Amino acid sequence: MERASDVEKVLMNEIDNQNGVYLYLEGNAWCAYERSAYYLASLRVPVVLKKEVVGEGYDVVLLKAFFAVDDMCLPLAPKTELKKVADNNLQFQVHQNIEGFPEWKASQLSKLPA
């Protein structure tokens, strides 16, 4: 994520995200942040997790999940539905409630290198 507008878009999508997976194309990988990253991991989509520190006045630590473009297959997971397609982003709806994001994020951040 490079621009402030990208950070704002991600934060707006994720702040009250209850059942969506927002994927963003970054280079040769699909990336999800925060709750979307959690939902992907909960759906057993094989992802790599890392911390992403956003500077430029934000100083926000986001949890990022990503996987190679070549590893994308549909359906993303059995309980998801593709809702939006654009050149550099996708949105899926998750058809189940997934709880426990704050605890999961804290646990993952403590395991990942700074």
PDB file of N, CA and C in Angstrom:
ATOM      1  N   MET A   1       0.855  -1.161   0.000  1.00  0.00           N
ATOM      2  CA  MET A   1       0.000   0.000   0.000  1.00  0.00           C
ATOM      3  C   MET A   1       0.903   1.225   0.000  1.00  0.00           C
ATOM      4  N   GLU A   2       0.682   2.096  -0.940  1.00  0.00           N
ATOM      5  CA  GLU A   2       1.634   3.182  -1.119  1.00  0.00           C
ATOM      6  C   GLU A   2       1.083   4.565  -0.813  1.00  0.00           C
ATOM      7  N   ARG A   3      -0.169   4.827  -1.141  1.00  0.00           N
ATOM      8  CA  ARG A   3      -0.688   6.178  -1.012  1.00  0.00           C
ATOM      9  C   ARG A   3      -1.646   6.308   0.162  1.00  0.00           C
ATOM     10  N   ALA A   4      -1.777   7.536   0.663  1.00  0.00           N
ATOM     11  CA  ALA A   4      -2.690   7.797   1.777  1.00  0.00           C
ATOM     12  C   ALA A   4      -4.115   7.444   1.395  1.00  0.00           C
ATOM     13  N   SER A   5      -4.501   7.680   0.138  1.00  0.00           N
ATOM     14  CA  SER A   5      -5.868   7.350  -0.291  1.00  0.00           C
ATOM     15  C   SER A   5      -6.111   5.844  -0.223  1.00  0.00           C
ATOM     16  N   ASP A   6      -5.066   5.039  -0.487  1.00  0.00           N
ATOM     17  CA  ASP A   6      -5.201   3.583  -0.376  1.00  0.00           C
ATOM     18  C   ASP A   6      -5.428   3.180   1.082  1.00  0.00           C
ATOM     19  N   VAL A   7      -4.693   3.795   1.982  1.00  0.00           N
ATOM     20  CA  VAL A   7      -4.843   3.512   3.414  1.00  0.00           C
ATOM     21  C   VAL A   7      -6.256   3.865   3.863  1.00  0.00           C
ATOM     22  N   GLU A   8      -6.730   5.020   3.463  1.00  0.00           N
ATOM     23  CA  GLU A   8      -8.068   5.447   3.853  1.00  0.00           C
ATOM     24  C   GLU A   8      -9.128   4.496   3.308  1.00  0.00           C
ATOM     25  N   LYS A   9      -8.971   4.051   2.069  1.00  0.00           N
ATOM     26  CA  LYS A   9      -9.928   3.115   1.470  1.00  0.00           C
ATOM     27  C   LYS A   9      -9.964   1.806   2.255  1.00  0.00           C
ATOM     28  N   VAL A  10      -8.805   1.268   2.578  1.00  0.00           N
ATOM     29  CA  VAL A  10      -8.732   0.029   3.349  1.00  0.00           C
ATOM     30  C   VAL A  10      -9.378   0.219   4.718  1.00  0.00           C
ATOM     31  N   LEU A  11      -9.035   1.283   5.402  1.00  0.00           N
ATOM     32  CA  LEU A  11      -9.596   1.518   6.735  1.00  0.00           C
ATOM     33  C   LEU A  11     -11.111   1.677   6.691  1.00  0.00           C
ATOM     34  N   MET A  12     -11.623   2.367   5.684  1.00  0.00           N
ATOM     35  CA  MET A  12     -13.072   2.536   5.559  1.00  0.00           C
ATOM     36  C   MET A  12     -13.759   1.197   5.286  1.00  0.00           C
ATOM     37  N   ASN A  13     -13.144   0.360   4.469  1.00  0.00           N
ATOM     38  CA  ASN A  13     -13.723  -0.955   4.184  1.00  0.00           C
ATOM     39  C   ASN A  13     -13.702  -1.866   5.410  1.00  0.00           C
ATOM     40  N   GLU A  14     -12.679  -1.746   6.222  1.00  0.00           N
ATOM     41  CA  GLU A  14     -12.476  -2.705   7.307  1.00  0.00           C
ATOM     42  C   GLU A  14     -13.056  -2.291   8.649  1.00  0.00           C
ATOM     43  N   ILE A  15     -13.342  -1.037   8.852  1.00  0.00           N
ATOM     44  CA  ILE A  15     -13.728  -0.566  10.184  1.00  0.00           C
ATOM     45  C   ILE A  15     -14.954  -1.297  10.746  1.00  0.00           C
ATOM     46  N   ASP A  16     -15.972  -1.496   9.939  1.00  0.00           N
ATOM     47  CA  ASP A  16     -17.177  -2.191  10.392  1.00  0.00           C
ATOM     48  C   ASP A  16     -17.442  -3.448   9.567  1.00  0.00           C
ATOM     49  N   ASN A  17     -16.409  -4.022   9.021  1.00  0.00           N
ATOM     50  CA  ASN A  17     -16.542  -5.176   8.143  1.00  0.00           C
ATOM     51  C   ASN A  17     -17.003  -6.401   8.946  1.00  0.00           C
ATOM     52  N   GLN A  18     -18.220  -6.822   8.703  1.00  0.00           N
ATOM     53  CA  GLN A  18     -18.774  -7.966   9.433  1.00  0.00           C
ATOM     54  C   GLN A  18     -18.757  -9.254   8.631  1.00  0.00           C
ATOM     55  N   ASN A  19     -18.782  -9.164   7.296  1.00  0.00           N
ATOM     56  CA  ASN A  19     -18.849 -10.399   6.517  1.00  0.00           C
ATOM     57  C   ASN A  19     -18.317 -10.238   5.096  1.00  0.00           C
ATOM     58  N   GLY A  20     -17.298  -9.429   4.936  1.00  0.00           N
ATOM     59  CA  GLY A  20     -16.720  -9.247   3.610  1.00  0.00           C
ATOM     60  C   GLY A  20     -15.232  -9.520   3.596  1.00  0.00           C
ATOM     61  N   VAL A  21     -14.766  -9.965   2.444  1.00  0.00           N
ATOM     62  CA  VAL A  21     -13.334 -10.116   2.225  1.00  0.00           C
ATOM     63  C   VAL A  21     -12.983  -9.187   1.070  1.00  0.00           C
ATOM     64  N   TYR A  22     -12.203  -8.171   1.366  1.00  0.00           N
ATOM     65  CA  TYR A  22     -11.744  -7.221   0.363  1.00  0.00           C
ATOM     66  C   TYR A  22     -10.325  -7.587  -0.019  1.00  0.00           C
ATOM     67  N   LEU A  23     -10.110  -7.860  -1.302  1.00  0.00           N
ATOM     68  CA  LEU A  23      -8.780  -8.195  -1.805  1.00  0.00           C
ATOM     69  C   LEU A  23      -8.297  -7.086  -2.721  1.00  0.00           C
ATOM     70  N   TYR A  24      -7.023  -6.748  -2.588  1.00  0.00           N
ATOM     71  CA  TYR A  24      -6.398  -5.697  -3.386  1.00  0.00           C
ATOM     72  C   TYR A  24      -5.215  -6.303  -4.124  1.00  0.00           C
ATOM     73  N   LEU A  25      -5.099  -5.996  -5.402  1.00  0.00           N
ATOM     74  CA  LEU A  25      -3.984  -6.490  -6.195  1.00  0.00           C
ATOM     75  C   LEU A  25      -2.779  -5.586  -5.963  1.00  0.00           C
ATOM     76  N   GLU A  26      -1.703  -6.163  -5.438  1.00  0.00           N
ATOM     77  CA  GLU A  26      -0.465  -5.428  -5.191  1.00  0.00           C
ATOM     78  C   GLU A  26       0.670  -6.218  -5.824  1.00  0.00           C
ATOM     79  N   GLY A  27       1.137  -5.745  -6.969  1.00  0.00           N
ATOM     80  CA  GLY A  27       2.184  -6.477  -7.693  1.00  0.00           C
ATOM     81  C   GLY A  27       1.647  -7.807  -8.171  1.00  0.00           C
ATOM     82  N   ASN A  28       2.277  -8.895  -7.737  1.00  0.00           N
ATOM     83  CA  ASN A  28       1.835 -10.227  -8.164  1.00  0.00           C
ATOM     84  C   ASN A  28       1.141 -10.988  -7.035  1.00  0.00           C
ATOM     85  N   ALA A  29       0.512 -10.243  -6.118  1.00  0.00           N
ATOM     86  CA  ALA A  29      -0.172 -10.884  -4.984  1.00  0.00           C
ATOM     87  C   ALA A  29      -1.524 -10.229  -4.721  1.00  0.00           C
ATOM     88  N   TRP A  30      -2.460 -11.044  -4.260  1.00  0.00           N
ATOM     89  CA  TRP A  30      -3.715 -10.538  -3.727  1.00  0.00           C
ATOM     90  C   TRP A  30      -3.505 -10.324  -2.235  1.00  0.00           C
ATOM     91  N   CYS A  31      -3.911  -9.162  -1.740  1.00  0.00           N
ATOM     92  CA  CYS A  31      -3.686  -8.800  -0.342  1.00  0.00           C
ATOM     93  C   CYS A  31      -5.014  -8.449   0.325  1.00  0.00           C
ATOM     94  N   ALA A  32      -5.110  -8.810   1.582  1.00  0.00           N
ATOM     95  CA  ALA A  32      -6.260  -8.458   2.409  1.00  0.00           C
ATOM     96  C   ALA A  32      -5.714  -7.898   3.715  1.00  0.00           C
ATOM     97  N   TYR A  33      -6.444  -6.983   4.299  1.00  0.00           N
ATOM     98  CA  TYR A  33      -6.011  -6.338   5.534  1.00  0.00           C
ATOM     99  C   TYR A  33      -7.043  -6.534   6.632  1.00  0.00           C
ATOM    100  N   GLU A  34      -6.547  -6.551   7.860  1.00  0.00           N
ATOM    101  CA  GLU A  34      -7.363  -6.527   9.057  1.00  0.00           C
ATOM    102  C   GLU A  34      -8.435  -7.613   9.073  1.00  0.00           C
ATOM    103  N   ARG A  35      -9.701  -7.248   9.168  1.00  0.00           N
ATOM    104  CA  ARG A  35     -10.775  -8.240   9.272  1.00  0.00           C
ATOM    105  C   ARG A  35     -10.826  -9.143   8.044  1.00  0.00           C
ATOM    106  N   SER A  36     -10.595  -8.584   6.870  1.00  0.00           N
ATOM    107  CA  SER A  36     -10.573  -9.414   5.658  1.00  0.00           C
ATOM    108  C   SER A  36      -9.471 -10.461   5.748  1.00  0.00           C
ATOM    109  N   ALA A  37      -8.321 -10.090   6.288  1.00  0.00           N
ATOM    110  CA  ALA A  37      -7.224 -11.051   6.480  1.00  0.00           C
ATOM    111  C   ALA A  37      -7.649 -12.148   7.460  1.00  0.00           C
ATOM    112  N   TYR A  38      -8.314 -11.748   8.515  1.00  0.00           N
ATOM    113  CA  TYR A  38      -8.809 -12.703   9.513  1.00  0.00           C
ATOM    114  C   TYR A  38      -9.812 -13.669   8.895  1.00  0.00           C
ATOM    115  N   TYR A  39     -10.746 -13.140   8.113  1.00  0.00           N
ATOM    116  CA  TYR A  39     -11.747 -14.002   7.486  1.00  0.00           C
ATOM    117  C   TYR A  39     -11.084 -15.000   6.547  1.00  0.00           C
ATOM    118  N   LEU A  40     -10.090 -14.539   5.776  1.00  0.00           N
ATOM    119  CA  LEU A  40      -9.372 -15.463   4.887  1.00  0.00           C
ATOM    120  C   LEU A  40      -8.727 -16.592   5.684  1.00  0.00           C
ATOM    121  N   ALA A  41      -8.044 -16.237   6.745  1.00  0.00           N
ATOM    122  CA  ALA A  41      -7.388 -17.256   7.572  1.00  0.00           C
ATOM    123  C   ALA A  41      -8.421 -18.188   8.202  1.00  0.00           C
ATOM    124  N   SER A  42      -9.546 -17.649   8.633  1.00  0.00           N
ATOM    125  CA  SER A  42     -10.599 -18.468   9.239  1.00  0.00           C
ATOM    126  C   SER A  42     -11.239 -19.414   8.236  1.00  0.00           C
ATOM    127  N   LEU A  43     -11.251 -19.015   6.967  1.00  0.00           N
ATOM    128  CA  LEU A  43     -11.821 -19.847   5.906  1.00  0.00           C
ATOM    129  C   LEU A  43     -10.806 -20.853   5.368  1.00  0.00           C
ATOM    130  N   ARG A  44      -9.635 -20.865   5.973  1.00  0.00           N
ATOM    131  CA  ARG A  44      -8.560 -21.791   5.616  1.00  0.00           C
ATOM    132  C   ARG A  44      -7.981 -21.548   4.226  1.00  0.00           C
ATOM    133  N   VAL A  45      -8.035 -20.298   3.781  1.00  0.00           N
ATOM    134  CA  VAL A  45      -7.341 -19.925   2.555  1.00  0.00           C
ATOM    135  C   VAL A  45      -5.865 -19.819   2.915  1.00  0.00           C
ATOM    136  N   PRO A  46      -4.978 -20.506   2.181  1.00  0.00           N
ATOM    137  CA  PRO A  46      -3.552 -20.474   2.546  1.00  0.00           C
ATOM    138  C   PRO A  46      -2.921 -19.113   2.233  1.00  0.00           C
ATOM    139  N   VAL A  47      -2.663 -18.354   3.285  1.00  0.00           N
ATOM    140  CA  VAL A  47      -2.097 -17.014   3.143  1.00  0.00           C
ATOM    141  C   VAL A  47      -0.823 -16.892   3.972  1.00  0.00           C
ATOM    142  N   VAL A  48      -0.047 -15.891   3.639  1.00  0.00           N
ATOM    143  CA  VAL A  48       1.125 -15.501   4.428  1.00  0.00           C
ATOM    144  C   VAL A  48       0.720 -14.223   5.150  1.00  0.00           C
ATOM    145  N   LEU A  49       1.036 -14.127   6.433  1.00  0.00           N
ATOM    146  CA  LEU A  49       0.705 -12.940   7.219  1.00  0.00           C
ATOM    147  C   LEU A  49       1.936 -12.103   7.480  1.00  0.00           C
ATOM    148  N   LYS A  50       1.747 -10.788   7.498  1.00  0.00           N
ATOM    149  CA  LYS A  50       2.825  -9.887   7.881  1.00  0.00           C
ATOM    150  C   LYS A  50       2.237  -8.607   8.445  1.00  0.00           C
ATOM    151  N   LYS A  51       3.068  -7.893   9.193  1.00  0.00           N
ATOM    152  CA  LYS A  51       2.682  -6.577   9.705  1.00  0.00           C
ATOM    153  C   LYS A  51       2.969  -5.558   8.623  1.00  0.00           C
ATOM    154  N   GLU A  52       2.077  -4.600   8.487  1.00  0.00           N
ATOM    155  CA  GLU A  52       2.330  -3.482   7.594  1.00  0.00           C
ATOM    156  C   GLU A  52       2.156  -2.212   8.406  1.00  0.00           C
ATOM    157  N   VAL A  53       3.241  -1.465   8.572  1.00  0.00           N
ATOM    158  CA  VAL A  53       3.210  -0.220   9.332  1.00  0.00           C
ATOM    159  C   VAL A  53       2.987   0.911   8.343  1.00  0.00           C
ATOM    160  N   VAL A  54       1.936   1.661   8.571  1.00  0.00           N
ATOM    161  CA  VAL A  54       1.582   2.759   7.692  1.00  0.00           C
ATOM    162  C   VAL A  54       2.041   4.043   8.343  1.00  0.00           C
ATOM    163  N   GLY A  55       2.918   4.769   7.673  1.00  0.00           N
ATOM    164  CA  GLY A  55       3.463   6.016   8.209  1.00  0.00           C
ATOM    165  C   GLY A  55       2.728   7.218   7.672  1.00  0.00           C
ATOM    166  N   GLU A  56       3.466   8.260   7.409  1.00  0.00           N
ATOM    167  CA  GLU A  56       2.936   9.509   6.864  1.00  0.00           C
ATOM    168  C   GLU A  56       1.778  10.053   7.703  1.00  0.00           C
ATOM    169  N   GLY A  57       1.992  10.161   8.994  1.00  0.00           N
ATOM    170  CA  GLY A  57       0.990  10.734   9.867  1.00  0.00           C
ATOM    171  C   GLY A  57      -0.005   9.737  10.427  1.00  0.00           C
ATOM    172  N   TYR A  58       0.064   8.494   9.994  1.00  0.00           N
ATOM    173  CA  TYR A  58      -0.889   7.499  10.482  1.00  0.00           C
ATOM    174  C   TYR A  58      -0.319   6.690  11.641  1.00  0.00           C
ATOM    175  N   ASP A  59       0.904   6.149  11.458  1.00  0.00           N
ATOM    176  CA  ASP A  59       1.518   5.262  12.441  1.00  0.00           C
ATOM    177  C   ASP A  59       0.539   4.179  12.897  1.00  0.00           C
ATOM    178  N   VAL A  60      -0.046   3.498  11.923  1.00  0.00           N
ATOM    179  CA  VAL A  60      -1.012   2.431  12.153  1.00  0.00           C
ATOM    180  C   VAL A  60      -0.354   1.115  11.770  1.00  0.00           C
ATOM    181  N   VAL A  61      -0.557   0.093  12.576  1.00  0.00           N
ATOM    182  CA  VAL A  61      -0.056  -1.243  12.260  1.00  0.00           C
ATOM    183  C   VAL A  61      -1.238  -2.072  11.776  1.00  0.00           C
ATOM    184  N   LEU A  62      -1.164  -2.468  10.525  1.00  0.00           N
ATOM    185  CA  LEU A  62      -2.205  -3.298   9.933  1.00  0.00           C
ATOM    186  C   LEU A  62      -1.689  -4.724   9.799  1.00  0.00           C
ATOM    187  N   LEU A  63      -2.576  -5.668   9.934  1.00  0.00           N
ATOM    188  CA  LEU A  63      -2.234  -7.050   9.671  1.00  0.00           C
ATOM    189  C   LEU A  63      -2.613  -7.335   8.224  1.00  0.00           C
ATOM    190  N   LYS A  64      -1.674  -7.856   7.468  1.00  0.00           N
ATOM    191  CA  LYS A  64      -1.852  -8.080   6.035  1.00  0.00           C
ATOM    192  C   LYS A  64      -1.710  -9.564   5.735  1.00  0.00           C
ATOM    193  N   ALA A  65      -2.651 -10.105   4.966  1.00  0.00           N
ATOM    194  CA  ALA A  65      -2.576 -11.480   4.483  1.00  0.00           C
ATOM    195  C   ALA A  65      -2.438 -11.407   2.971  1.00  0.00           C
ATOM    196  N   PHE A  66      -1.577 -12.252   2.419  1.00  0.00           N
ATOM    197  CA  PHE A  66      -1.443 -12.225   0.968  1.00  0.00           C
ATOM    198  C   PHE A  66      -1.140 -13.608   0.417  1.00  0.00           C
ATOM    199  N   PHE A  67      -1.450 -13.752  -0.874  1.00  0.00           N
ATOM    200  CA  PHE A  67      -1.128 -14.975  -1.598  1.00  0.00           C
ATOM    201  C   PHE A  67      -0.894 -14.606  -3.057  1.00  0.00           C
ATOM    202  N   ALA A  68      -0.105 -15.405  -3.757  1.00  0.00           N
ATOM    203  CA  ALA A  68       0.276 -15.132  -5.135  1.00  0.00           C
ATOM    204  C   ALA A  68      -0.949 -15.154  -6.048  1.00  0.00           C
ATOM    205  N   VAL A  69      -0.936 -14.285  -7.035  1.00  0.00           N
ATOM    206  CA  VAL A  69      -2.024 -14.228  -8.008  1.00  0.00           C
ATOM    207  C   VAL A  69      -2.261 -15.608  -8.622  1.00  0.00           C
ATOM    208  N   ASP A  70      -1.198 -16.327  -8.928  1.00  0.00           N
ATOM    209  CA  ASP A  70      -1.317 -17.644  -9.549  1.00  0.00           C
ATOM    210  C   ASP A  70      -1.988 -18.673  -8.636  1.00  0.00           C
ATOM    211  N   ASP A  71      -2.060 -18.388  -7.339  1.00  0.00           N
ATOM    212  CA  ASP A  71      -2.681 -19.315  -6.391  1.00  0.00           C
ATOM    213  C   ASP A  71      -4.173 -19.070  -6.201  1.00  0.00           C
ATOM    214  N   MET A  72      -4.704 -18.043  -6.876  1.00  0.00           N
ATOM    215  CA  MET A  72      -6.132 -17.733  -6.754  1.00  0.00           C
ATOM    216  C   MET A  72      -6.953 -18.788  -7.483  1.00  0.00           C
ATOM    217  N   CYS A  73      -7.963 -19.310  -6.803  1.00  0.00           N
ATOM    218  CA  CYS A  73      -8.926 -20.186  -7.458  1.00  0.00           C
ATOM    219  C   CYS A  73     -10.303 -19.867  -6.886  1.00  0.00           C
ATOM    220  N   LEU A  74     -11.303 -20.063  -7.702  1.00  0.00           N
ATOM    221  CA  LEU A  74     -12.666 -19.778  -7.268  1.00  0.00           C
ATOM    222  C   LEU A  74     -13.445 -21.073  -7.155  1.00  0.00           C
ATOM    223  N   PRO A  75     -14.314 -21.227  -6.199  1.00  0.00           N
ATOM    224  CA  PRO A  75     -14.621 -20.201  -5.199  1.00  0.00           C
ATOM    225  C   PRO A  75     -13.457 -20.016  -4.226  1.00  0.00           C
ATOM    226  N   LEU A  76     -13.356 -18.832  -3.695  1.00  0.00           N
ATOM    227  CA  LEU A  76     -12.287 -18.521  -2.739  1.00  0.00           C
ATOM    228  C   LEU A  76     -12.355 -19.465  -1.549  1.00  0.00           C
ATOM    229  N   ALA A  77     -13.540 -19.729  -1.084  1.00  0.00           N
ATOM    230  CA  ALA A  77     -13.811 -20.692  -0.011  1.00  0.00           C
ATOM    231  C   ALA A  77     -15.260 -21.135  -0.188  1.00  0.00           C
ATOM    232  N   PRO A  78     -15.633 -22.294   0.328  1.00  0.00           N
ATOM    233  CA  PRO A  78     -16.993 -22.793   0.113  1.00  0.00           C
ATOM    234  C   PRO A  78     -18.105 -21.851   0.575  1.00  0.00           C
ATOM    235  N   LYS A  79     -17.858 -21.059   1.584  1.00  0.00           N
ATOM    236  CA  LYS A  79     -18.908 -20.203   2.134  1.00  0.00           C
ATOM    237  C   LYS A  79     -18.727 -18.741   1.747  1.00  0.00           C
ATOM    238  N   THR A  80     -18.271 -18.488   0.514  1.00  0.00           N
ATOM    239  CA  THR A  80     -18.107 -17.116   0.044  1.00  0.00           C
ATOM    240  C   THR A  80     -18.788 -16.937  -1.304  1.00  0.00           C
ATOM    241  N   GLU A  81     -19.136 -15.691  -1.589  1.00  0.00           N
ATOM    242  CA  GLU A  81     -19.750 -15.338  -2.864  1.00  0.00           C
ATOM    243  C   GLU A  81     -19.045 -14.100  -3.407  1.00  0.00           C
ATOM    244  N   LEU A  82     -18.655 -14.122  -4.665  1.00  0.00           N
ATOM    245  CA  LEU A  82     -18.013 -12.979  -5.301  1.00  0.00           C
ATOM    246  C   LEU A  82     -19.059 -11.888  -5.503  1.00  0.00           C
ATOM    247  N   LYS A  83     -18.810 -10.694  -4.933  1.00  0.00           N
ATOM    248  CA  LYS A  83     -19.776  -9.599  -4.978  1.00  0.00           C
ATOM    249  C   LYS A  83     -19.350  -8.453  -5.887  1.00  0.00           C
ATOM    250  N   LYS A  84     -18.039  -8.228  -6.032  1.00  0.00           N
ATOM    251  CA  LYS A  84     -17.568  -7.081  -6.811  1.00  0.00           C
ATOM    252  C   LYS A  84     -16.253  -7.441  -7.473  1.00  0.00           C
ATOM    253  N   VAL A  85     -16.132  -7.055  -8.736  1.00  0.00           N
ATOM    254  CA  VAL A  85     -14.902  -7.292  -9.482  1.00  0.00           C
ATOM    255  C   VAL A  85     -14.470  -5.977 -10.108  1.00  0.00           C
ATOM    256  N   ALA A  86     -13.223  -5.617  -9.909  1.00  0.00           N
ATOM    257  CA  ALA A  86     -12.629  -4.449 -10.549  1.00  0.00           C
ATOM    258  C   ALA A  86     -11.227  -4.838 -11.008  1.00  0.00           C
ATOM    259  N   ASP A  87     -10.563  -3.955 -11.719  1.00  0.00           N
ATOM    260  CA  ASP A  87      -9.235  -4.269 -12.250  1.00  0.00           C
ATOM    261  C   ASP A  87      -8.237  -4.659 -11.168  1.00  0.00           C
ATOM    262  N   ASN A  88      -8.281  -3.975 -10.030  1.00  0.00           N
ATOM    263  CA  ASN A  88      -7.271  -4.223  -9.007  1.00  0.00           C
ATOM    264  C   ASN A  88      -7.838  -4.554  -7.631  1.00  0.00           C
ATOM    265  N   ASN A  89      -9.135  -4.909  -7.570  1.00  0.00           N
ATOM    266  CA  ASN A  89      -9.687  -5.350  -6.294  1.00  0.00           C
ATOM    267  C   ASN A  89     -10.901  -6.244  -6.504  1.00  0.00           C
ATOM    268  N   LEU A  90     -11.142  -7.066  -5.510  1.00  0.00           N
ATOM    269  CA  LEU A  90     -12.274  -7.993  -5.491  1.00  0.00           C
ATOM    270  C   LEU A  90     -12.949  -7.897  -4.132  1.00  0.00           C
ATOM    271  N   GLN A  91     -14.234  -8.166  -4.101  1.00  0.00           N
ATOM    272  CA  GLN A  91     -14.931  -8.234  -2.823  1.00  0.00           C
ATOM    273  C   GLN A  91     -15.755  -9.516  -2.797  1.00  0.00           C
ATOM    274  N   PHE A  92     -15.594 -10.269  -1.713  1.00  0.00           N
ATOM    275  CA  PHE A  92     -16.361 -11.477  -1.488  1.00  0.00           C
ATOM    276  C   PHE A  92     -17.233 -11.279  -0.264  1.00  0.00           C
ATOM    277  N   GLN A  93     -18.385 -11.922  -0.244  1.00  0.00           N
ATOM    278  CA  GLN A  93     -19.233 -11.937   0.941  1.00  0.00           C
ATOM    279  C   GLN A  93     -19.087 -13.294   1.599  1.00  0.00           C
ATOM    280  N   VAL A  94     -18.921 -13.289   2.906  1.00  0.00           N
ATOM    281  CA  VAL A  94     -18.806 -14.513   3.688  1.00  0.00           C
ATOM    282  C   VAL A  94     -20.195 -14.841   4.230  1.00  0.00           C
ATOM    283  N   HIS A  95     -20.638 -16.074   4.034  1.00  0.00           N
ATOM    284  CA  HIS A  95     -21.980 -16.461   4.466  1.00  0.00           C
ATOM    285  C   HIS A  95     -21.966 -17.174   5.814  1.00  0.00           C
ATOM    286  N   GLN A  96     -21.233 -16.611   6.742  1.00  0.00           N
ATOM    287  CA  GLN A  96     -21.241 -17.104   8.118  1.00  0.00           C
ATOM    288  C   GLN A  96     -20.658 -16.009   8.994  1.00  0.00           C
ATOM    289  N   ASN A  97     -21.054 -15.987  10.236  1.00  0.00           N
ATOM    290  CA  ASN A  97     -20.484 -15.024  11.173  1.00  0.00           C
ATOM    291  C   ASN A  97     -19.157 -15.570  11.674  1.00  0.00           C
ATOM    292  N   ILE A  98     -18.161 -14.725  11.667  1.00  0.00           N
ATOM    293  CA  ILE A  98     -16.836 -15.101  12.159  1.00  0.00           C
ATOM    294  C   ILE A  98     -16.490 -14.129  13.277  1.00  0.00           C
ATOM    295  N   GLU A  99     -16.317 -14.654  14.452  1.00  0.00           N
ATOM    296  CA  GLU A  99     -16.047 -13.827  15.641  1.00  0.00           C
ATOM    297  C   GLU A  99     -14.581 -13.953  16.050  1.00  0.00           C
ATOM    298  N   GLY A 100     -14.114 -13.012  16.857  1.00  0.00           N
ATOM    299  CA  GLY A 100     -12.806 -13.131  17.483  1.00  0.00           C
ATOM    300  C   GLY A 100     -11.673 -12.376  16.829  1.00  0.00           C
ATOM    301  N   PHE A 101     -11.972 -11.390  15.969  1.00  0.00           N
ATOM    302  CA  PHE A 101     -10.908 -10.667  15.278  1.00  0.00           C
ATOM    303  C   PHE A 101      -9.918  -9.986  16.221  1.00  0.00           C
ATOM    304  N   PRO A 102     -10.346  -9.216  17.228  1.00  0.00           N
ATOM    305  CA  PRO A 102      -9.359  -8.506  18.064  1.00  0.00           C
ATOM    306  C   PRO A 102      -8.351  -9.449  18.736  1.00  0.00           C
ATOM    307  N   GLU A 103      -8.841 -10.562  19.234  1.00  0.00           N
ATOM    308  CA  GLU A 103      -7.950 -11.520  19.894  1.00  0.00           C
ATOM    309  C   GLU A 103      -6.988 -12.154  18.893  1.00  0.00           C
ATOM    310  N   TRP A 104      -7.505 -12.500  17.718  1.00  0.00           N
ATOM    311  CA  TRP A 104      -6.674 -13.095  16.678  1.00  0.00           C
ATOM    312  C   TRP A 104      -5.570 -12.133  16.239  1.00  0.00           C
ATOM    313  N   LYS A 105      -5.930 -10.874  16.029  1.00  0.00           N
ATOM    314  CA  LYS A 105      -4.958  -9.873  15.579  1.00  0.00           C
ATOM    315  C   LYS A 105      -3.843  -9.724  16.623  1.00  0.00           C
ATOM    316  N   ALA A 106      -4.217  -9.588  17.882  1.00  0.00           N
ATOM    317  CA  ALA A 106      -3.217  -9.437  18.942  1.00  0.00           C
ATOM    318  C   ALA A 106      -2.296 -10.647  18.981  1.00  0.00           C
ATOM    319  N   SER A 107      -2.860 -11.819  18.836  1.00  0.00           N
ATOM    320  CA  SER A 107      -2.058 -13.052  18.848  1.00  0.00           C
ATOM    321  C   SER A 107      -1.097 -13.107  17.664  1.00  0.00           C
ATOM    322  N   GLN A 108      -1.579 -12.776  16.483  1.00  0.00           N
ATOM    323  CA  GLN A 108      -0.734 -12.821  15.287  1.00  0.00           C
ATOM    324  C   GLN A 108       0.371 -11.762  15.326  1.00  0.00           C
ATOM    325  N   LEU A 109       0.027 -10.562  15.753  1.00  0.00           N
ATOM    326  CA  LEU A 109       1.027  -9.490  15.807  1.00  0.00           C
ATOM    327  C   LEU A 109       2.153  -9.833  16.785  1.00  0.00           C
ATOM    328  N   SER A 110       1.825 -10.540  17.867  1.00  0.00           N
ATOM    329  CA  SER A 110       2.864 -10.906  18.824  1.00  0.00           C
ATOM    330  C   SER A 110       3.816 -11.970  18.266  1.00  0.00           C
ATOM    331  N   LYS A 111       3.371 -12.728  17.279  1.00  0.00           N
ATOM    332  CA  LYS A 111       4.195 -13.782  16.678  1.00  0.00           C
ATOM    333  C   LYS A 111       5.054 -13.289  15.514  1.00  0.00           C
ATOM    334  N   LEU A 112       4.642 -12.189  14.882  1.00  0.00           N
ATOM    335  CA  LEU A 112       5.323 -11.723  13.670  1.00  0.00           C
ATOM    336  C   LEU A 112       6.475 -10.790  13.996  1.00  0.00           C
ATOM    337  N   PRO A 113       7.528 -10.821  13.171  1.00  0.00           N
ATOM    338  CA  PRO A 113       8.637  -9.887  13.384  1.00  0.00           C
ATOM    339  C   PRO A 113       8.204  -8.450  13.144  1.00  0.00           C
ATOM    340  N   ALA A 114       8.893  -7.526  13.786  1.00  0.00           N
ATOM    341  CA  ALA A 114       8.554  -6.111  13.638  1.00  0.00           C
ATOM    342  C   ALA A 114       8.807  -5.594  12.252  1.00  0.00           C
TER     343      ALA A 114
END
